[in-house]
Amino acid sequence: MLAPRDQIAENYQRMGQNGVTIDSSPAPSVVEALRTSAATVQRAWCTRSGSICGQILDAYRAGKP
């Protein structure tokens, strides 16, 4: 199993080989739209999941590169 950063690099390489263009500097408006959408989905999930939701999100955020 690859380390997360190595896996990401491998995925980006494979996507590039398949003609996918990756924009690592999207417009701030795009980033904000994605954050807003994610927050809406996270709130809905947390409502369904209960108190474990916060613990899972905290663990996820702590492990993000």
N, C-alpha and C. Protein backbone atom coordinates (compact mmCIF):
# COMPACT_ATOMS: atom_id res chain seq x y z
N MET A 1 0.85 -1.18 0.00
CA MET A 1 0.00 0.00 0.00
C MET A 1 0.89 1.24 0.00
N LEU A 2 0.54 2.21 -0.83
CA LEU A 2 1.33 3.43 -0.93
C LEU A 2 0.93 4.42 0.17
N ALA A 3 1.88 5.26 0.54
CA ALA A 3 1.57 6.36 1.45
C ALA A 3 0.60 7.29 0.73
N PRO A 4 -0.27 7.99 1.48
CA PRO A 4 -1.27 8.85 0.83
C PRO A 4 -0.70 9.80 -0.22
N ARG A 5 0.42 10.47 0.09
CA ARG A 5 0.99 11.41 -0.89
C ARG A 5 1.48 10.69 -2.14
N ASP A 6 2.05 9.50 -1.96
CA ASP A 6 2.50 8.71 -3.11
C ASP A 6 1.31 8.25 -3.95
N GLN A 7 0.24 7.88 -3.29
CA GLN A 7 -0.97 7.45 -4.00
C GLN A 7 -1.55 8.60 -4.81
N ILE A 8 -1.56 9.79 -4.22
CA ILE A 8 -2.06 10.97 -4.93
C ILE A 8 -1.21 11.24 -6.16
N ALA A 9 0.11 11.19 -5.99
CA ALA A 9 1.02 11.43 -7.12
C ALA A 9 0.78 10.39 -8.22
N GLU A 10 0.60 9.15 -7.83
CA GLU A 10 0.35 8.08 -8.81
C GLU A 10 -0.99 8.33 -9.53
N ASN A 11 -2.00 8.71 -8.77
CA ASN A 11 -3.31 8.99 -9.37
C ASN A 11 -3.22 10.16 -10.36
N TYR A 12 -2.52 11.22 -9.98
CA TYR A 12 -2.37 12.38 -10.87
C TYR A 12 -1.63 11.98 -12.15
N GLN A 13 -0.61 11.16 -12.01
CA GLN A 13 0.14 10.71 -13.18
C GLN A 13 -0.77 9.91 -14.12
N ARG A 14 -1.54 9.00 -13.55
CA ARG A 14 -2.43 8.17 -14.36
C ARG A 14 -3.51 9.03 -15.02
N MET A 15 -4.05 10.00 -14.30
CA MET A 15 -5.05 10.88 -14.89
C MET A 15 -4.45 11.67 -16.05
N GLY A 16 -3.23 12.17 -15.87
CA GLY A 16 -2.55 12.90 -16.93
C GLY A 16 -2.35 12.05 -18.17
N GLN A 17 -2.00 10.79 -17.96
CA GLN A 17 -1.81 9.87 -19.08
C GLN A 17 -3.12 9.62 -19.83
N ASN A 18 -4.23 9.82 -19.13
CA ASN A 18 -5.54 9.62 -19.73
C ASN A 18 -6.19 10.93 -20.19
N GLY A 19 -5.38 11.98 -20.27
CA GLY A 19 -5.87 13.24 -20.82
C GLY A 19 -6.58 14.17 -19.86
N VAL A 20 -6.53 13.88 -18.57
CA VAL A 20 -7.17 14.74 -17.58
C VAL A 20 -6.23 15.88 -17.23
N THR A 21 -6.76 17.10 -17.23
CA THR A 21 -6.00 18.27 -16.83
C THR A 21 -6.36 18.58 -15.37
N ILE A 22 -5.35 18.70 -14.53
CA ILE A 22 -5.57 18.99 -13.12
C ILE A 22 -5.14 20.42 -12.85
N ASP A 23 -6.08 21.21 -12.36
CA ASP A 23 -5.80 22.60 -12.03
C ASP A 23 -5.53 22.68 -10.53
N SER A 24 -4.28 22.85 -10.15
CA SER A 24 -3.94 22.89 -8.73
C SER A 24 -4.13 24.27 -8.12
N SER A 25 -4.57 25.23 -8.93
CA SER A 25 -4.84 26.59 -8.44
C SER A 25 -6.18 27.08 -8.97
N PRO A 26 -7.28 26.44 -8.55
CA PRO A 26 -8.59 26.87 -9.05
C PRO A 26 -8.95 28.27 -8.55
N ALA A 27 -9.85 28.90 -9.25
CA ALA A 27 -10.31 30.24 -8.87
C ALA A 27 -10.90 30.21 -7.46
N PRO A 28 -10.69 31.26 -6.69
CA PRO A 28 -11.26 31.30 -5.33
C PRO A 28 -12.77 31.06 -5.31
N SER A 29 -13.48 31.51 -6.32
CA SER A 29 -14.94 31.30 -6.35
C SER A 29 -15.27 29.81 -6.47
N VAL A 30 -14.45 29.06 -7.19
CA VAL A 30 -14.67 27.62 -7.32
C VAL A 30 -14.40 26.93 -5.98
N VAL A 31 -13.31 27.30 -5.33
CA VAL A 31 -12.97 26.72 -4.03
C VAL A 31 -14.09 27.00 -3.03
N GLU A 32 -14.58 28.22 -3.01
CA GLU A 32 -15.64 28.59 -2.07
C GLU A 32 -16.93 27.81 -2.37
N ALA A 33 -17.26 27.64 -3.63
CA ALA A 33 -18.46 26.87 -4.00
C ALA A 33 -18.33 25.42 -3.53
N LEU A 34 -17.15 24.84 -3.68
CA LEU A 34 -16.92 23.47 -3.23
C LEU A 34 -17.00 23.37 -1.70
N ARG A 35 -16.42 24.33 -1.01
CA ARG A 35 -16.48 24.33 0.47
C ARG A 35 -17.91 24.46 0.96
N THR A 36 -18.67 25.34 0.32
CA THR A 36 -20.07 25.53 0.72
C THR A 36 -20.87 24.26 0.50
N SER A 37 -20.68 23.64 -0.65
CA SER A 37 -21.38 22.38 -0.94
C SER A 37 -20.98 21.29 0.04
N ALA A 38 -19.70 21.19 0.32
CA ALA A 38 -19.22 20.16 1.25
C ALA A 38 -19.80 20.39 2.64
N ALA A 39 -19.86 21.63 3.07
CA ALA A 39 -20.38 21.93 4.40
C ALA A 39 -21.85 21.52 4.51
N THR A 40 -22.61 21.75 3.44
CA THR A 40 -24.02 21.37 3.43
C THR A 40 -24.18 19.86 3.56
N VAL A 41 -23.38 19.12 2.80
CA VAL A 41 -23.43 17.66 2.84
C VAL A 41 -22.96 17.14 4.19
N GLN A 42 -21.90 17.74 4.74
CA GLN A 42 -21.40 17.31 6.05
C GLN A 42 -22.44 17.53 7.14
N ARG A 43 -23.12 18.68 7.11
CA ARG A 43 -24.16 18.94 8.12
C ARG A 43 -25.27 17.89 8.03
N ALA A 44 -25.70 17.57 6.82
CA ALA A 44 -26.76 16.57 6.64
C ALA A 44 -26.29 15.21 7.15
N TRP A 45 -25.06 14.86 6.84
CA TRP A 45 -24.53 13.57 7.29
C TRP A 45 -24.43 13.55 8.82
N CYS A 46 -23.95 14.64 9.41
CA CYS A 46 -23.82 14.69 10.87
C CYS A 46 -25.19 14.59 11.55
N THR A 47 -26.20 15.16 10.93
CA THR A 47 -27.54 15.07 11.49
C THR A 47 -27.99 13.60 11.55
N ARG A 48 -27.67 12.85 10.51
CA ARG A 48 -28.04 11.43 10.46
C ARG A 48 -27.14 10.57 11.34
N SER A 49 -25.86 10.96 11.46
CA SER A 49 -24.87 10.09 12.11
C SER A 49 -24.74 10.31 13.61
N GLY A 50 -25.12 11.44 14.09
CA GLY A 50 -25.01 11.71 15.51
C GLY A 50 -23.62 12.15 15.92
N SER A 51 -23.28 11.93 17.17
CA SER A 51 -22.05 12.48 17.75
C SER A 51 -20.77 11.91 17.14
N ILE A 52 -20.84 10.74 16.55
CA ILE A 52 -19.63 10.14 15.96
C ILE A 52 -19.14 10.98 14.77
N CYS A 53 -20.03 11.72 14.17
CA CYS A 53 -19.69 12.51 12.98
C CYS A 53 -18.51 13.45 13.26
N GLY A 54 -18.57 14.20 14.32
CA GLY A 54 -17.50 15.14 14.65
C GLY A 54 -16.17 14.44 14.84
N GLN A 55 -16.19 13.30 15.47
CA GLN A 55 -14.95 12.54 15.69
C GLN A 55 -14.36 12.07 14.37
N ILE A 56 -15.21 11.62 13.47
CA ILE A 56 -14.73 11.15 12.16
C ILE A 56 -14.16 12.31 11.36
N LEU A 57 -14.86 13.44 11.33
CA LEU A 57 -14.38 14.60 10.58
C LEU A 57 -13.07 15.13 11.18
N ASP A 58 -12.96 15.16 12.49
CA ASP A 58 -11.71 15.60 13.13
C ASP A 58 -10.55 14.70 12.73
N ALA A 59 -10.78 13.38 12.74
CA ALA A 59 -9.73 12.44 12.36
C ALA A 59 -9.34 12.62 10.90
N TYR A 60 -10.33 12.83 10.06
CA TYR A 60 -10.06 13.06 8.64
C TYR A 60 -9.23 14.32 8.45
N ARG A 61 -9.64 15.40 9.08
CA ARG A 61 -8.91 16.67 8.94
C ARG A 61 -7.48 16.57 9.49
N ALA A 62 -7.29 15.82 10.55
CA ALA A 62 -5.97 15.67 11.15
C ALA A 62 -5.02 14.90 10.22
N GLY A 63 -5.57 14.01 9.39
CA GLY A 63 -4.75 13.21 8.51
C GLY A 63 -4.55 13.79 7.13
N LYS A 64 -5.17 14.94 6.86
CA LYS A 64 -5.06 15.56 5.53
C LYS A 64 -3.67 16.13 5.30
N PRO A 65 -3.12 15.90 4.10
CA PRO A 65 -1.81 16.49 3.78
C PRO A 65 -1.89 18.00 3.64
